[in-house]
Amino acid sequence: MRKQPKNAIFESFLSLLSRGSVVRDHPRSQKIPINLGIFFVMQEFTVYIIHSQSTDRYYIGHTSNLQDRLKRHNKNRSKYTKGKGPWNLVETLIFNSKKEAYQMELKLKRMKNSKKAIEYIKRIKA
């Protein structure tokens, strides 16, 4: 890696922040942290289970921004959950890579029973 002047590194960091992400996607869905001199930024991914009291349904998903994703579910900006809210957060698990989070999401969905998935997460956390 060639050396950049210090303010060029800082400008690179600011431009990445303005785009909303400082972690590039890797073809194998793993995080590749960007080394910006003194800055080293990593991203977390969350697997979540939400519940709708009005329809008594559960939804399992993964995201890198849980608060924003929950707002989108409750504002009917998600195809499956649209018109079925309000949605409340039931359980979460945090992972270091998108690949791990996605694999856990699929495992929980394969259980076909959301209550079993919730119990599985509680056992993992214990």
C-alpha atoms as a PDB file:
ATOM      1  CA  MET A   1       0.000   0.000   0.000  1.00  0.00           C
ATOM      2  CA  ARG A   2       1.476   3.321  -0.981  1.00  0.00           C
ATOM      3  CA  LYS A   3       1.758   6.068   1.590  1.00  0.00           C
ATOM      4  CA  GLN A   4      -0.676   8.954   1.416  1.00  0.00           C
ATOM      5  CA  PRO A   5      -0.277  12.353   3.009  1.00  0.00           C
ATOM      6  CA  LYS A   6      -2.072  12.564   6.368  1.00  0.00           C
ATOM      7  CA  ASN A   7      -4.790  14.961   5.201  1.00  0.00           C
ATOM      8  CA  ALA A   8      -5.459  12.737   2.132  1.00  0.00           C
ATOM      9  CA  ILE A   9      -6.151   9.840   4.506  1.00  0.00           C
ATOM     10  CA  PHE A  10      -8.484  12.032   6.544  1.00  0.00           C
ATOM     11  CA  GLU A  11     -10.275  13.228   3.385  1.00  0.00           C
ATOM     12  CA  SER A  12     -10.691   9.589   2.284  1.00  0.00           C
ATOM     13  CA  PHE A  13     -12.188   8.776   5.667  1.00  0.00           C
ATOM     14  CA  LEU A  14     -14.621  11.705   5.474  1.00  0.00           C
ATOM     15  CA  SER A  15     -15.721  10.765   1.955  1.00  0.00           C
ATOM     16  CA  LEU A  16     -16.394   7.198   3.089  1.00  0.00           C
ATOM     17  CA  LEU A  17     -18.397   8.423   6.079  1.00  0.00           C
ATOM     18  CA  SER A  18     -20.498  10.674   3.852  1.00  0.00           C
ATOM     19  CA  ARG A  19     -21.416   7.598   1.764  1.00  0.00           C
ATOM     20  CA  GLY A  20     -22.624   5.868   4.925  1.00  0.00           C
ATOM     21  CA  SER A  21     -20.183   2.963   5.064  1.00  0.00           C
ATOM     22  CA  VAL A  22     -16.529   2.391   5.690  1.00  0.00           C
ATOM     23  CA  VAL A  23     -16.636  -1.345   5.102  1.00  0.00           C
ATOM     24  CA  ARG A  24     -16.503  -2.701   1.555  1.00  0.00           C
ATOM     25  CA  ASP A  25     -18.463  -5.769   0.452  1.00  0.00           C
ATOM     26  CA  HIS A  26     -16.304  -8.761  -0.253  1.00  0.00           C
ATOM     27  CA  PRO A  27     -17.337 -11.372  -2.866  1.00  0.00           C
ATOM     28  CA  ARG A  28     -17.581 -14.017  -0.134  1.00  0.00           C
ATOM     29  CA  SER A  29     -19.871 -11.756   1.972  1.00  0.00           C
ATOM     30  CA  GLN A  30     -17.263 -11.165   4.645  1.00  0.00           C
ATOM     31  CA  LYS A  31     -16.325  -7.797   6.024  1.00  0.00           C
ATOM     32  CA  ILE A  32     -13.142  -6.268   4.738  1.00  0.00           C
ATOM     33  CA  PRO A  33     -12.128  -3.467   7.091  1.00  0.00           C
ATOM     34  CA  ILE A  34     -10.529  -0.439   5.512  1.00  0.00           C
ATOM     35  CA  ASN A  35      -7.344   0.740   7.176  1.00  0.00           C
ATOM     36  CA  LEU A  36      -7.347   4.536   7.141  1.00  0.00           C
ATOM     37  CA  GLY A  37      -4.134   5.157   9.024  1.00  0.00           C
ATOM     38  CA  ILE A  38      -5.227   5.849  12.586  1.00  0.00           C
ATOM     39  CA  PHE A  39      -8.856   4.793  11.910  1.00  0.00           C
ATOM     40  CA  PHE A  40      -9.961   1.161  11.825  1.00  0.00           C
ATOM     41  CA  VAL A  41     -13.705   0.654  11.460  1.00  0.00           C
ATOM     42  CA  MET A  42     -15.651  -2.603  11.758  1.00  0.00           C
ATOM     43  CA  GLN A  43     -19.369  -3.212  11.262  1.00  0.00           C
ATOM     44  CA  GLU A  44     -21.706  -5.465  13.237  1.00  0.00           C
ATOM     45  CA  PHE A  45     -24.629  -7.416  11.832  1.00  0.00           C
ATOM     46  CA  THR A  46     -27.690  -8.310  13.887  1.00  0.00           C
ATOM     47  CA  VAL A  47     -30.103 -11.209  13.486  1.00  0.00           C
ATOM     48  CA  TYR A  48     -33.449 -10.206  14.958  1.00  0.00           C
ATOM     49  CA  ILE A  49     -36.900 -11.600  15.668  1.00  0.00           C
ATOM     50  CA  ILE A  50     -39.844  -9.210  15.803  1.00  0.00           C
ATOM     51  CA  HIS A  51     -43.467  -9.903  16.761  1.00  0.00           C
ATOM     52  CA  SER A  52     -46.741  -8.295  15.722  1.00  0.00           C
ATOM     53  CA  GLN A  53     -49.357  -8.231  18.470  1.00  0.00           C
ATOM     54  CA  SER A  54     -52.154  -7.412  16.037  1.00  0.00           C
ATOM     55  CA  THR A  55     -51.592 -10.486  13.822  1.00  0.00           C
ATOM     56  CA  ASP A  56     -49.603 -12.659  16.279  1.00  0.00           C
ATOM     57  CA  ARG A  57     -46.913 -13.209  13.618  1.00  0.00           C
ATOM     58  CA  TYR A  58     -43.150 -13.343  13.928  1.00  0.00           C
ATOM     59  CA  TYR A  59     -40.540 -12.129  11.452  1.00  0.00           C
ATOM     60  CA  ILE A  60     -36.859 -13.156  11.376  1.00  0.00           C
ATOM     61  CA  GLY A  61     -34.273 -11.033   9.568  1.00  0.00           C
ATOM     62  CA  HIS A  62     -30.742  -9.616   9.671  1.00  0.00           C
ATOM     63  CA  THR A  63     -29.432  -6.067   9.330  1.00  0.00           C
ATOM     64  CA  SER A  64     -26.476  -3.810  10.030  1.00  0.00           C
ATOM     65  CA  ASN A  65     -28.696  -1.051  11.484  1.00  0.00           C
ATOM     66  CA  LEU A  66     -31.352  -2.465  13.812  1.00  0.00           C
ATOM     67  CA  GLN A  67     -33.040   0.810  14.797  1.00  0.00           C
ATOM     68  CA  ASP A  68     -33.503   1.884  11.182  1.00  0.00           C
ATOM     69  CA  ARG A  69     -34.734  -1.561  10.134  1.00  0.00           C
ATOM     70  CA  LEU A  70     -37.309  -1.668  12.947  1.00  0.00           C
ATOM     71  CA  LYS A  71     -38.555   1.806  11.944  1.00  0.00           C
ATOM     72  CA  ARG A  72     -38.938   0.612   8.331  1.00  0.00           C
ATOM     73  CA  HIS A  73     -40.941  -2.423   9.476  1.00  0.00           C
ATOM     74  CA  ASN A  74     -43.263  -0.209  11.534  1.00  0.00           C
ATOM     75  CA  LYS A  75     -43.671   2.400   8.765  1.00  0.00           C
ATOM     76  CA  ASN A  76     -44.793  -0.296   6.275  1.00  0.00           C
ATOM     77  CA  ARG A  77     -41.648   0.011   4.154  1.00  0.00           C
ATOM     78  CA  SER A  78     -40.971  -3.727   4.135  1.00  0.00           C
ATOM     79  CA  LYS A  79     -42.836  -6.035   1.759  1.00  0.00           C
ATOM     80  CA  TYR A  80     -43.622  -8.941   4.101  1.00  0.00           C
ATOM     81  CA  THR A  81     -44.375  -6.919   7.242  1.00  0.00           C
ATOM     82  CA  LYS A  82     -46.392  -4.191   5.506  1.00  0.00           C
ATOM     83  CA  GLY A  83     -49.814  -3.687   7.106  1.00  0.00           C
ATOM     84  CA  LYS A  84     -49.184  -6.298   9.819  1.00  0.00           C
ATOM     85  CA  GLY A  85     -47.683  -4.124  12.562  1.00  0.00           C
ATOM     86  CA  PRO A  86     -46.921  -2.667  14.990  1.00  0.00           C
ATOM     87  CA  TRP A  87     -43.776  -4.766  15.380  1.00  0.00           C
ATOM     88  CA  ASN A  88     -41.916  -5.232  18.660  1.00  0.00           C
ATOM     89  CA  LEU A  89     -38.365  -6.530  19.054  1.00  0.00           C
ATOM     90  CA  VAL A  90     -38.265  -9.966  20.731  1.00  0.00           C
ATOM     91  CA  GLU A  91     -34.673 -11.253  20.421  1.00  0.00           C
ATOM     92  CA  THR A  92     -31.340 -10.297  18.842  1.00  0.00           C
ATOM     93  CA  LEU A  93     -27.962 -11.889  18.155  1.00  0.00           C
ATOM     94  CA  ILE A  94     -24.904  -9.902  17.043  1.00  0.00           C
ATOM     95  CA  PHE A  95     -22.332 -11.202  14.545  1.00  0.00           C
ATOM     96  CA  ASN A  96     -19.047  -9.882  13.153  1.00  0.00           C
ATOM     97  CA  SER A  97     -19.841 -10.697   9.527  1.00  0.00           C
ATOM     98  CA  LYS A  98     -22.811 -10.527   7.208  1.00  0.00           C
ATOM     99  CA  LYS A  99     -22.215 -14.131   6.167  1.00  0.00           C
ATOM    100  CA  GLU A 100     -22.515 -15.423   9.746  1.00  0.00           C
ATOM    101  CA  ALA A 101     -25.662 -13.353  10.360  1.00  0.00           C
ATOM    102  CA  TYR A 102     -27.289 -14.568   7.144  1.00  0.00           C
ATOM    103  CA  GLN A 103     -26.463 -18.203   7.939  1.00  0.00           C
ATOM    104  CA  MET A 104     -28.041 -17.852  11.395  1.00  0.00           C
ATOM    105  CA  GLU A 105     -31.123 -16.162   9.894  1.00  0.00           C
ATOM    106  CA  LEU A 106     -31.575 -19.105   7.515  1.00  0.00           C
ATOM    107  CA  LYS A 107     -31.068 -21.617  10.341  1.00  0.00           C
ATOM    108  CA  LEU A 108     -33.739 -19.896  12.448  1.00  0.00           C
ATOM    109  CA  LYS A 109     -36.149 -19.730   9.507  1.00  0.00           C
ATOM    110  CA  ARG A 110     -35.634 -23.451   8.789  1.00  0.00           C
ATOM    111  CA  MET A 111     -36.899 -24.207  12.303  1.00  0.00           C
ATOM    112  CA  LYS A 112     -40.408 -23.333  11.017  1.00  0.00           C
ATOM    113  CA  ASN A 113     -41.440 -22.401  14.555  1.00  0.00           C
ATOM    114  CA  SER A 114     -40.571 -18.923  15.776  1.00  0.00           C
ATOM    115  CA  LYS A 115     -40.980 -19.828  19.436  1.00  0.00           C
ATOM    116  CA  LYS A 116     -38.361 -22.589  19.019  1.00  0.00           C
ATOM    117  CA  ALA A 117     -36.095 -20.044  17.299  1.00  0.00           C
ATOM    118  CA  ILE A 118     -36.521 -17.652  20.245  1.00  0.00           C
ATOM    119  CA  GLU A 119     -35.656 -20.427  22.707  1.00  0.00           C
ATOM    120  CA  TYR A 120     -32.612 -21.362  20.594  1.00  0.00           C
ATOM    121  CA  ILE A 121     -31.328 -17.764  20.735  1.00  0.00           C
ATOM    122  CA  LYS A 122     -31.883 -17.658  24.519  1.00  0.00           C
ATOM    123  CA  ARG A 123     -29.839 -20.878  24.922  1.00  0.00           C
ATOM    124  CA  ILE A 124     -27.009 -19.412  22.804  1.00  0.00           C
ATOM    125  CA  LYS A 125     -26.943 -16.240  24.913  1.00  0.00           C
ATOM    126  CA  ALA A 126     -26.931 -18.126  28.235  1.00  0.00           C
END
